[in-house]
């Protein structure tokens, strides 16, 4: 697994065992999201199946900026939004330490297999530890086998089910 993580960091596809098929990119810059990211954020959300307008994305960014329990980090490559990740921290009844959850992770299709997802996950893990978290959880759709493999390569374990109900 160590070699696989090293390959991800170097922009290599672990499945192919060599350089990524896509062209090399500049190293991403990670930063907190801002309202001006709304067009890029809306596009990334659409890639995951969550159609959003830039206006909706801008409103969400503003809400998150005003919520100290949530952090939205973006990865920017050559002036373009390449991905984002959100961390949500909450007080729990069942644990002494805060509960930390990845509330969303998307890397744009053309930026995948360059280590950006891993960098975003590392940034959130670091922030979760800083906020007192001992565990980090996330949800992923059953159909996203590529995401499952990614999370497992980072040391995450399948630990249960999620149920949802539209209100």
C-alpha atoms as a PDB file:
ATOM      1  CA  UNK A   1       0.000   0.000   0.000  1.00  0.00           C
ATOM      2  CA  UNK A   2       2.913   2.390   0.661  1.00  0.00           C
ATOM      3  CA  UNK A   3       4.028   2.206  -2.967  1.00  0.00           C
ATOM      4  CA  UNK A   4       0.461   2.832  -4.105  1.00  0.00           C
ATOM      5  CA  UNK A   5       0.255   6.016  -1.992  1.00  0.00           C
ATOM      6  CA  UNK A   6       3.657   7.118  -3.323  1.00  0.00           C
ATOM      7  CA  UNK A   7       2.377   6.569  -6.874  1.00  0.00           C
ATOM      8  CA  UNK A   8      -0.692   8.699  -6.121  1.00  0.00           C
ATOM      9  CA  UNK A   9       1.510  11.493  -4.763  1.00  0.00           C
ATOM     10  CA  UNK A  10       3.656  11.399  -7.902  1.00  0.00           C
ATOM     11  CA  UNK A  11       0.634  11.549 -10.230  1.00  0.00           C
ATOM     12  CA  UNK A  12       0.817   7.924 -11.283  1.00  0.00           C
ATOM     13  CA  UNK A  13      -2.108   5.651 -11.711  1.00  0.00           C
ATOM     14  CA  UNK A  14      -1.724   2.732  -9.274  1.00  0.00           C
ATOM     15  CA  UNK A  15      -3.794   0.515 -11.564  1.00  0.00           C
ATOM     16  CA  UNK A  16      -1.570   1.189 -14.558  1.00  0.00           C
ATOM     17  CA  UNK A  17       1.649   1.091 -12.568  1.00  0.00           C
ATOM     18  CA  UNK A  18       3.109   4.030 -14.456  1.00  0.00           C
ATOM     19  CA  UNK A  19       2.626   7.668 -15.277  1.00  0.00           C
ATOM     20  CA  UNK A  20      -0.902   8.976 -15.519  1.00  0.00           C
ATOM     21  CA  UNK A  21      -2.441   8.940 -18.970  1.00  0.00           C
ATOM     22  CA  UNK A  22      -3.401  12.585 -18.566  1.00  0.00           C
ATOM     23  CA  UNK A  23      -0.876  15.337 -19.107  1.00  0.00           C
ATOM     24  CA  UNK A  24       1.126  16.651 -16.141  1.00  0.00           C
ATOM     25  CA  UNK A  25      -0.310  19.545 -14.175  1.00  0.00           C
ATOM     26  CA  UNK A  26       1.108  22.220 -11.914  1.00  0.00           C
ATOM     27  CA  UNK A  27       1.013  21.442  -8.179  1.00  0.00           C
ATOM     28  CA  UNK A  28      -2.341  22.458  -6.701  1.00  0.00           C
ATOM     29  CA  UNK A  29      -2.724  25.328  -4.269  1.00  0.00           C
ATOM     30  CA  UNK A  30      -5.043  24.505  -1.362  1.00  0.00           C
ATOM     31  CA  UNK A  31      -7.007  27.340   0.227  1.00  0.00           C
ATOM     32  CA  UNK A  32     -10.318  28.155   1.830  1.00  0.00           C
ATOM     33  CA  UNK A  33     -13.154  28.619  -0.649  1.00  0.00           C
ATOM     34  CA  UNK A  34     -14.399  32.119  -1.421  1.00  0.00           C
ATOM     35  CA  UNK A  35     -17.477  33.462  -3.165  1.00  0.00           C
ATOM     36  CA  UNK A  36     -15.560  33.920  -6.444  1.00  0.00           C
ATOM     37  CA  UNK A  37     -15.188  30.116  -6.607  1.00  0.00           C
ATOM     38  CA  UNK A  38     -18.925  29.669  -7.183  1.00  0.00           C
ATOM     39  CA  UNK A  39     -18.730  28.929 -10.936  1.00  0.00           C
ATOM     40  CA  UNK A  40     -16.020  26.300 -10.479  1.00  0.00           C
ATOM     41  CA  UNK A  41     -17.738  24.829  -7.428  1.00  0.00           C
ATOM     42  CA  UNK A  42     -21.030  24.527  -9.301  1.00  0.00           C
ATOM     43  CA  UNK A  43     -19.243  22.712 -12.136  1.00  0.00           C
ATOM     44  CA  UNK A  44     -17.564  20.273  -9.744  1.00  0.00           C
ATOM     45  CA  UNK A  45     -20.844  19.592  -7.943  1.00  0.00           C
ATOM     46  CA  UNK A  46     -22.425  18.858 -11.330  1.00  0.00           C
ATOM     47  CA  UNK A  47     -19.742  16.258 -12.064  1.00  0.00           C
ATOM     48  CA  UNK A  48     -20.866  14.388  -8.967  1.00  0.00           C
ATOM     49  CA  UNK A  49     -24.524  14.627  -9.969  1.00  0.00           C
ATOM     50  CA  UNK A  50     -25.515  17.577  -7.753  1.00  0.00           C
ATOM     51  CA  UNK A  51     -26.650  20.140 -10.299  1.00  0.00           C
ATOM     52  CA  UNK A  52     -26.132  23.613  -8.860  1.00  0.00           C
ATOM     53  CA  UNK A  53     -26.094  27.084 -10.330  1.00  0.00           C
ATOM     54  CA  UNK A  54     -23.206  29.448  -9.595  1.00  0.00           C
ATOM     55  CA  UNK A  55     -25.660  31.526  -7.550  1.00  0.00           C
ATOM     56  CA  UNK A  56     -26.577  28.510  -5.413  1.00  0.00           C
ATOM     57  CA  UNK A  57     -22.913  27.658  -4.960  1.00  0.00           C
ATOM     58  CA  UNK A  58     -22.142  31.263  -3.933  1.00  0.00           C
ATOM     59  CA  UNK A  59     -24.919  31.178  -1.313  1.00  0.00           C
ATOM     60  CA  UNK A  60     -23.602  27.876   0.054  1.00  0.00           C
ATOM     61  CA  UNK A  61     -20.062  29.246   0.265  1.00  0.00           C
ATOM     62  CA  UNK A  62     -21.380  32.256   2.206  1.00  0.00           C
ATOM     63  CA  UNK A  63     -23.303  30.011   4.635  1.00  0.00           C
ATOM     64  CA  UNK A  64     -20.233  27.855   5.177  1.00  0.00           C
ATOM     65  CA  UNK A  65     -18.022  30.922   5.723  1.00  0.00           C
ATOM     66  CA  UNK A  66     -20.345  31.921   8.562  1.00  0.00           C
ATOM     67  CA  UNK A  67     -20.357  28.451  10.151  1.00  0.00           C
ATOM     68  CA  UNK A  68     -17.302  27.756  12.339  1.00  0.00           C
ATOM     69  CA  UNK A  69     -18.198  24.038  12.401  1.00  0.00           C
ATOM     70  CA  UNK A  70     -17.708  23.671   8.626  1.00  0.00           C
ATOM     71  CA  UNK A  71     -14.643  24.261   6.473  1.00  0.00           C
ATOM     72  CA  UNK A  72     -14.588  24.252   2.668  1.00  0.00           C
ATOM     73  CA  UNK A  73     -11.157  23.834   1.059  1.00  0.00           C
ATOM     74  CA  UNK A  74     -10.533  24.103  -2.668  1.00  0.00           C
ATOM     75  CA  UNK A  75      -7.630  22.935  -4.813  1.00  0.00           C
ATOM     76  CA  UNK A  76      -6.690  25.393  -7.526  1.00  0.00           C
ATOM     77  CA  UNK A  77      -4.496  24.483 -10.489  1.00  0.00           C
ATOM     78  CA  UNK A  78      -3.383  27.181 -12.910  1.00  0.00           C
ATOM     79  CA  UNK A  79      -6.286  29.420 -11.889  1.00  0.00           C
ATOM     80  CA  UNK A  80      -8.913  26.690 -12.269  1.00  0.00           C
ATOM     81  CA  UNK A  81     -10.800  24.938  -9.490  1.00  0.00           C
ATOM     82  CA  UNK A  82      -9.587  21.344  -9.650  1.00  0.00           C
ATOM     83  CA  UNK A  83     -11.406  20.011  -6.600  1.00  0.00           C
ATOM     84  CA  UNK A  84     -12.872  20.680  -3.193  1.00  0.00           C
ATOM     85  CA  UNK A  85     -13.437  19.024   0.157  1.00  0.00           C
ATOM     86  CA  UNK A  86     -15.625  20.003   3.087  1.00  0.00           C
ATOM     87  CA  UNK A  87     -15.141  19.142   6.743  1.00  0.00           C
ATOM     88  CA  UNK A  88     -17.952  19.289   9.262  1.00  0.00           C
ATOM     89  CA  UNK A  89     -17.298  19.032  12.993  1.00  0.00           C
ATOM     90  CA  UNK A  90     -20.061  18.418  15.521  1.00  0.00           C
ATOM     91  CA  UNK A  91     -20.498  17.574  19.179  1.00  0.00           C
ATOM     92  CA  UNK A  92     -21.576  13.994  19.771  1.00  0.00           C
ATOM     93  CA  UNK A  93     -23.569  12.316  22.497  1.00  0.00           C
ATOM     94  CA  UNK A  94     -21.776   8.983  22.131  1.00  0.00           C
ATOM     95  CA  UNK A  95     -18.157  10.272  22.256  1.00  0.00           C
ATOM     96  CA  UNK A  96     -16.152  12.716  24.304  1.00  0.00           C
ATOM     97  CA  UNK A  97     -14.315  14.110  21.299  1.00  0.00           C
ATOM     98  CA  UNK A  98     -15.992  15.956  18.430  1.00  0.00           C
ATOM     99  CA  UNK A  99     -17.316  14.039  15.457  1.00  0.00           C
ATOM    100  CA  UNK A 100     -15.628  14.905  12.169  1.00  0.00           C
ATOM    101  CA  UNK A 101     -17.050  14.125   8.756  1.00  0.00           C
ATOM    102  CA  UNK A 102     -16.046  14.728   5.171  1.00  0.00           C
ATOM    103  CA  UNK A 103     -19.122  16.540   3.921  1.00  0.00           C
ATOM    104  CA  UNK A 104     -18.115  16.416   0.278  1.00  0.00           C
ATOM    105  CA  UNK A 105     -15.122  15.629  -1.910  1.00  0.00           C
ATOM    106  CA  UNK A 106     -14.869  16.129  -5.660  1.00  0.00           C
ATOM    107  CA  UNK A 107     -11.869  16.261  -7.956  1.00  0.00           C
ATOM    108  CA  UNK A 108     -12.648  17.355 -11.498  1.00  0.00           C
ATOM    109  CA  UNK A 109     -12.386  14.563 -14.032  1.00  0.00           C
ATOM    110  CA  UNK A 110      -9.463  16.066 -15.928  1.00  0.00           C
ATOM    111  CA  UNK A 111      -7.516  16.512 -12.664  1.00  0.00           C
ATOM    112  CA  UNK A 112      -7.958  12.994 -11.322  1.00  0.00           C
ATOM    113  CA  UNK A 113      -4.984  10.657 -10.806  1.00  0.00           C
ATOM    114  CA  UNK A 114      -2.657  13.542  -9.931  1.00  0.00           C
ATOM    115  CA  UNK A 115      -2.807  13.192  -6.124  1.00  0.00           C
ATOM    116  CA  UNK A 116      -5.208  16.097  -5.597  1.00  0.00           C
ATOM    117  CA  UNK A 117      -7.811  13.989  -3.795  1.00  0.00           C
ATOM    118  CA  UNK A 118      -5.164  12.659  -1.447  1.00  0.00           C
ATOM    119  CA  UNK A 119      -3.883  16.191  -0.733  1.00  0.00           C
ATOM    120  CA  UNK A 120      -7.419  17.344   0.049  1.00  0.00           C
ATOM    121  CA  UNK A 121      -8.002  14.359   2.351  1.00  0.00           C
ATOM    122  CA  UNK A 122      -4.693  15.024   4.131  1.00  0.00           C
ATOM    123  CA  UNK A 123      -5.661  18.673   4.660  1.00  0.00           C
ATOM    124  CA  UNK A 124      -9.010  17.699   6.181  1.00  0.00           C
ATOM    125  CA  UNK A 125      -7.457  15.012   8.384  1.00  0.00           C
ATOM    126  CA  UNK A 126      -4.957  17.575   9.697  1.00  0.00           C
ATOM    127  CA  UNK A 127      -7.740  20.089  10.410  1.00  0.00           C
ATOM    128  CA  UNK A 128      -9.907  17.426  12.082  1.00  0.00           C
ATOM    129  CA  UNK A 129      -7.005  16.517  14.413  1.00  0.00           C
ATOM    130  CA  UNK A 130      -6.446  20.222  15.146  1.00  0.00           C
ATOM    131  CA  UNK A 131     -10.095  20.499  16.171  1.00  0.00           C
ATOM    132  CA  UNK A 132      -9.807  17.531  18.541  1.00  0.00           C
ATOM    133  CA  UNK A 133     -11.210  14.811  16.293  1.00  0.00           C
ATOM    134  CA  UNK A 134     -10.097  11.214  16.740  1.00  0.00           C
ATOM    135  CA  UNK A 135     -12.169   9.708  13.895  1.00  0.00           C
ATOM    136  CA  UNK A 136     -13.119  10.962  10.453  1.00  0.00           C
ATOM    137  CA  UNK A 137     -16.104   9.488   8.647  1.00  0.00           C
ATOM    138  CA  UNK A 138     -17.476   9.944   5.145  1.00  0.00           C
ATOM    139  CA  UNK A 139     -20.293   8.730   2.942  1.00  0.00           C
ATOM    140  CA  UNK A 140     -20.027   7.486  -0.605  1.00  0.00           C
ATOM    141  CA  UNK A 141     -22.630   6.108  -2.987  1.00  0.00           C
ATOM    142  CA  UNK A 142     -22.765   2.353  -3.604  1.00  0.00           C
ATOM    143  CA  UNK A 143     -22.128   2.892  -7.326  1.00  0.00           C
ATOM    144  CA  UNK A 144     -18.839   4.774  -6.743  1.00  0.00           C
ATOM    145  CA  UNK A 145     -16.436   1.810  -6.704  1.00  0.00           C
ATOM    146  CA  UNK A 146     -13.592   4.103  -7.830  1.00  0.00           C
ATOM    147  CA  UNK A 147     -14.133   6.243  -4.728  1.00  0.00           C
ATOM    148  CA  UNK A 148     -14.304   3.150  -2.508  1.00  0.00           C
ATOM    149  CA  UNK A 149     -10.899   2.008  -3.766  1.00  0.00           C
ATOM    150  CA  UNK A 150      -9.490   5.504  -3.245  1.00  0.00           C
ATOM    151  CA  UNK A 151     -10.676   5.714   0.371  1.00  0.00           C
ATOM    152  CA  UNK A 152      -9.473   2.196   1.155  1.00  0.00           C
ATOM    153  CA  UNK A 153      -6.026   3.050  -0.259  1.00  0.00           C
ATOM    154  CA  UNK A 154      -5.943   5.929   2.234  1.00  0.00           C
ATOM    155  CA  UNK A 155      -6.703   3.581   5.146  1.00  0.00           C
ATOM    156  CA  UNK A 156     -10.464   4.055   5.476  1.00  0.00           C
ATOM    157  CA  UNK A 157     -12.596   1.021   6.287  1.00  0.00           C
ATOM    158  CA  UNK A 158     -16.160   0.223   5.303  1.00  0.00           C
ATOM    159  CA  UNK A 159     -17.933   0.503   8.645  1.00  0.00           C
ATOM    160  CA  UNK A 160     -21.684   0.594   8.183  1.00  0.00           C
ATOM    161  CA  UNK A 161     -24.651   1.871   6.271  1.00  0.00           C
ATOM    162  CA  UNK A 162     -26.227   5.226   5.767  1.00  0.00           C
ATOM    163  CA  UNK A 163     -29.971   5.757   5.558  1.00  0.00           C
ATOM    164  CA  UNK A 164     -31.669   8.824   4.139  1.00  0.00           C
ATOM    165  CA  UNK A 165     -35.195  10.142   4.028  1.00  0.00           C
ATOM    166  CA  UNK A 166     -36.417  13.129   2.079  1.00  0.00           C
ATOM    167  CA  UNK A 167     -38.199  15.593   4.374  1.00  0.00           C
END
